[in-house]
Protein backbone atom coordinates (compact mmCIF):
# COMPACT_ATOMS: atom_id res chain seq x y z
CA UNK A 1 80.61 90.73 108.22
CA UNK A 2 83.65 90.47 110.47
CA UNK A 3 82.50 90.72 114.09
CA UNK A 4 85.27 91.50 116.58
CA UNK A 5 85.39 92.98 120.02
CA UNK A 6 86.94 96.40 120.51
CA UNK A 7 89.99 94.78 122.11
CA UNK A 8 90.44 92.49 119.08
CA UNK A 9 89.96 95.40 116.67
CA UNK A 10 92.15 97.96 118.45
CA UNK A 11 95.24 95.98 119.30
CA UNK A 12 98.53 97.70 120.17
CA UNK A 13 99.92 97.32 116.63
CA UNK A 14 96.85 98.90 115.05
CA UNK A 15 96.74 101.62 117.72
CA UNK A 16 100.35 102.63 117.00
CA UNK A 17 99.66 102.77 113.26
CA UNK A 18 96.46 104.76 113.65
CA UNK A 19 98.04 107.19 116.11
CA UNK A 20 101.13 107.63 113.90
CA UNK A 21 99.10 108.43 110.79
CA UNK A 22 96.71 110.66 112.74
CA UNK A 23 99.54 112.78 114.16
CA UNK A 24 101.20 112.95 110.70
CA UNK A 25 97.89 114.10 109.16
CA UNK A 26 97.40 116.75 111.83
CA UNK A 27 101.00 117.99 111.43
CA UNK A 28 100.43 118.31 107.69
CA UNK A 29 97.18 120.20 108.29
CA UNK A 30 98.95 122.51 110.71
CA UNK A 31 101.76 123.16 108.27
CA UNK A 32 99.24 123.75 105.46
CA UNK A 33 97.46 126.53 107.33
CA UNK A 34 100.54 127.97 109.05
CA UNK A 35 103.00 128.36 106.18
CA UNK A 36 103.05 131.35 103.89
CA UNK A 37 104.61 129.37 101.07
CA UNK A 38 101.81 128.11 98.78
CA UNK A 39 104.05 125.32 97.46
CA UNK A 40 104.59 123.93 100.96
CA UNK A 41 100.91 124.46 101.77
CA UNK A 42 99.83 122.39 98.76
CA UNK A 43 102.36 119.70 99.56
CA UNK A 44 101.18 119.59 103.18
CA UNK A 45 97.56 119.17 102.06
CA UNK A 46 98.45 116.30 99.70
CA UNK A 47 100.60 114.54 102.30
CA UNK A 48 97.93 115.07 104.95
CA UNK A 49 95.30 113.45 102.72
CA UNK A 50 97.58 110.50 102.00
CA UNK A 51 98.22 109.96 105.70
CA UNK A 52 94.52 110.33 106.52
CA UNK A 53 93.89 107.62 103.92
CA UNK A 54 96.51 105.40 105.53
CA UNK A 55 94.85 106.00 108.91
CA UNK A 56 91.50 104.88 107.51
CA UNK A 57 93.21 101.95 105.78
CA UNK A 58 94.51 100.69 109.13
CA UNK A 59 91.24 101.41 110.93
CA UNK A 60 89.11 99.50 108.42
CA UNK A 61 91.65 96.85 107.35
CA UNK A 62 91.48 97.88 103.69
CA UNK A 63 94.95 96.51 102.90
CA UNK A 64 93.89 93.10 104.23
CA UNK A 65 90.61 93.17 102.31
CA UNK A 66 92.59 93.93 99.14
CA UNK A 67 95.08 91.17 99.97
CA UNK A 68 92.22 88.68 100.56
CA UNK A 69 90.62 89.63 97.24
CA UNK A 70 93.93 89.23 95.38
CA UNK A 71 94.55 85.88 97.07
CA UNK A 72 91.05 84.63 96.16
CA UNK A 73 91.59 85.70 92.56
CA UNK A 74 94.99 83.96 92.42
CA UNK A 75 93.47 80.75 93.80
CA UNK A 76 90.59 80.94 91.32
CA UNK A 77 93.04 81.42 88.44
CA UNK A 78 95.20 78.51 89.70
CA UNK A 79 98.41 80.53 90.01
CA UNK A 80 98.48 81.15 93.76
CA UNK A 81 101.13 78.44 94.24
CA UNK A 82 103.40 80.09 91.64
CA UNK A 83 103.28 83.54 93.26
CA UNK A 84 106.78 83.63 94.80
CA UNK A 85 108.86 84.89 91.84
CA UNK A 86 106.28 87.43 90.61
CA UNK A 87 106.19 88.80 94.17
CA UNK A 88 109.99 89.05 94.21
CA UNK A 89 109.99 90.86 90.87
CA UNK A 90 107.31 93.31 91.99
CA UNK A 91 109.11 93.95 95.29
CA UNK A 92 112.37 94.58 93.44
CA UNK A 93 110.59 97.03 91.14
CA UNK A 94 108.98 98.66 94.18
CA UNK A 95 112.39 99.07 95.86
CA UNK A 96 113.73 100.72 92.70
CA UNK A 97 110.71 103.05 92.60
CA UNK A 98 111.24 103.94 96.26
CA UNK A 99 114.90 104.81 95.71
CA UNK A 100 113.99 106.76 92.56
CA UNK A 101 111.18 108.59 94.36
CA UNK A 102 113.43 109.57 97.25
CA UNK A 103 116.09 110.76 94.80
CA UNK A 104 113.49 112.79 92.87
CA UNK A 105 112.14 114.34 96.09
CA UNK A 106 115.66 115.28 97.15
CA UNK A 107 116.20 116.96 93.76
CA UNK A 108 112.78 118.67 93.56
CA UNK A 109 112.98 120.04 97.10
CA UNK A 110 116.69 120.75 97.11
CA UNK A 111 116.26 124.07 98.91
CA UNK A 112 113.47 122.80 101.18
CA UNK A 113 115.05 119.79 102.93
CA UNK A 114 112.14 119.49 105.35
CA UNK A 115 109.77 119.03 102.43
CA UNK A 116 112.03 116.34 100.98
CA UNK A 117 112.09 114.52 104.32
CA UNK A 118 108.28 114.64 104.51
CA UNK A 119 107.94 113.25 100.99
CA UNK A 120 110.54 110.54 101.79
CA UNK A 121 108.51 109.50 104.85
CA UNK A 122 105.35 109.34 102.79
CA UNK A 123 107.06 107.23 100.15
CA UNK A 124 108.27 104.85 102.86
CA UNK A 125 104.70 104.56 104.17
CA UNK A 126 103.30 103.88 100.70
CA UNK A 127 106.04 101.33 99.98
CA UNK A 128 105.35 99.59 103.32
CA UNK A 129 101.65 99.46 102.46
CA UNK A 130 102.46 97.88 99.10
CA UNK A 131 104.87 95.38 100.66
CA UNK A 132 102.11 94.34 103.06
CA UNK A 133 99.63 93.86 100.20
CA UNK A 134 102.15 91.90 98.12
CA UNK A 135 102.76 89.76 101.22
CA UNK A 136 105.85 87.76 100.32
CA UNK A 137 106.41 85.27 103.12
CA UNK A 138 110.01 86.43 103.71
CA UNK A 139 109.02 90.09 104.14
CA UNK A 140 105.98 89.16 106.23
CA UNK A 141 108.15 87.20 108.63
CA UNK A 142 110.22 90.35 109.19
CA UNK A 143 107.43 92.95 109.28
CA UNK A 144 105.19 90.89 111.57
CA UNK A 145 107.90 89.74 113.95
CA UNK A 146 106.79 90.62 117.49
CA UNK A 147 108.80 92.99 119.65
CA UNK A 148 106.91 93.08 122.94
CA UNK A 149 103.32 94.14 122.24
CA UNK A 150 104.26 95.58 118.84
CA UNK A 151 105.56 94.29 115.54
CA UNK A 152 108.42 95.52 113.37
CA UNK A 153 105.87 97.09 111.01
CA UNK A 154 104.76 99.35 113.90
CA UNK A 155 108.25 100.80 114.07
CA UNK A 156 108.31 101.30 110.28
CA UNK A 157 105.04 103.27 110.56
CA UNK A 158 106.43 105.28 113.47
CA UNK A 159 109.67 106.12 111.66
CA UNK A 160 107.93 107.03 108.40
CA UNK A 161 105.42 109.26 110.20
CA UNK A 162 108.18 110.86 112.30
CA UNK A 163 109.93 111.75 109.03
CA UNK A 164 106.75 113.36 107.74
CA UNK A 165 106.01 115.23 110.96
CA UNK A 166 109.53 116.64 111.38
CA UNK A 167 109.91 117.36 107.69
CA UNK A 168 106.61 119.12 107.02
CA UNK A 169 106.76 121.17 110.21
CA UNK A 170 110.35 122.14 109.46
CA UNK A 171 109.43 123.15 105.92
CA UNK A 172 106.26 124.99 106.92
CA UNK A 173 107.40 126.75 110.05
CA UNK A 174 110.95 127.57 108.99
CA UNK A 175 109.59 129.38 105.95
CA UNK A 176 106.92 131.18 107.99
CA UNK A 177 109.46 132.25 110.63
CA UNK A 178 111.88 133.53 107.96
CA UNK A 179 109.16 135.61 106.33
CA UNK A 180 107.89 136.75 109.73
CA UNK A 181 111.29 137.90 110.86
CA UNK A 182 111.53 140.01 107.73
CA UNK A 183 108.41 141.89 108.81
CA UNK A 184 106.17 140.38 106.16
CA UNK A 185 103.61 138.68 108.43
């Protein structure tokens, strides 16, 4: 069992990530109960659950446990030293999926731009998680570069969660206000 002090466990990088995903989850929950549009409400619940999972992931280091398991398996199978090009291929495929996912969200939520922004932010968070698990040295050197007490990855989490917060609240509250102003609430 990994024994760490509270200060070792809750460092500034982890605190920023946990706070970002917590606020994004709460914003999604708020939008889910506040909106009158069932489509936005369902989307907010799904996004809220994803961000709650990412919060728990950061809190309990699940991505690093998965990475350690994958690394141990690669060493046991004697292909850990040949991991560079498979990582590059997977990251390229991931980038294509991210662009495709953002394009699909933009198309699916054409008339609900806030919802598209929230989905985009969630896709960025998921892609960042996957990039961290894949752990190509070149991407790690960028994501884990220190900027004061934080790392670049902290700013990626902040940006992605800001996209979700602004997007889901815009989608949920704009719709509720429009219906409310028509006398339907």
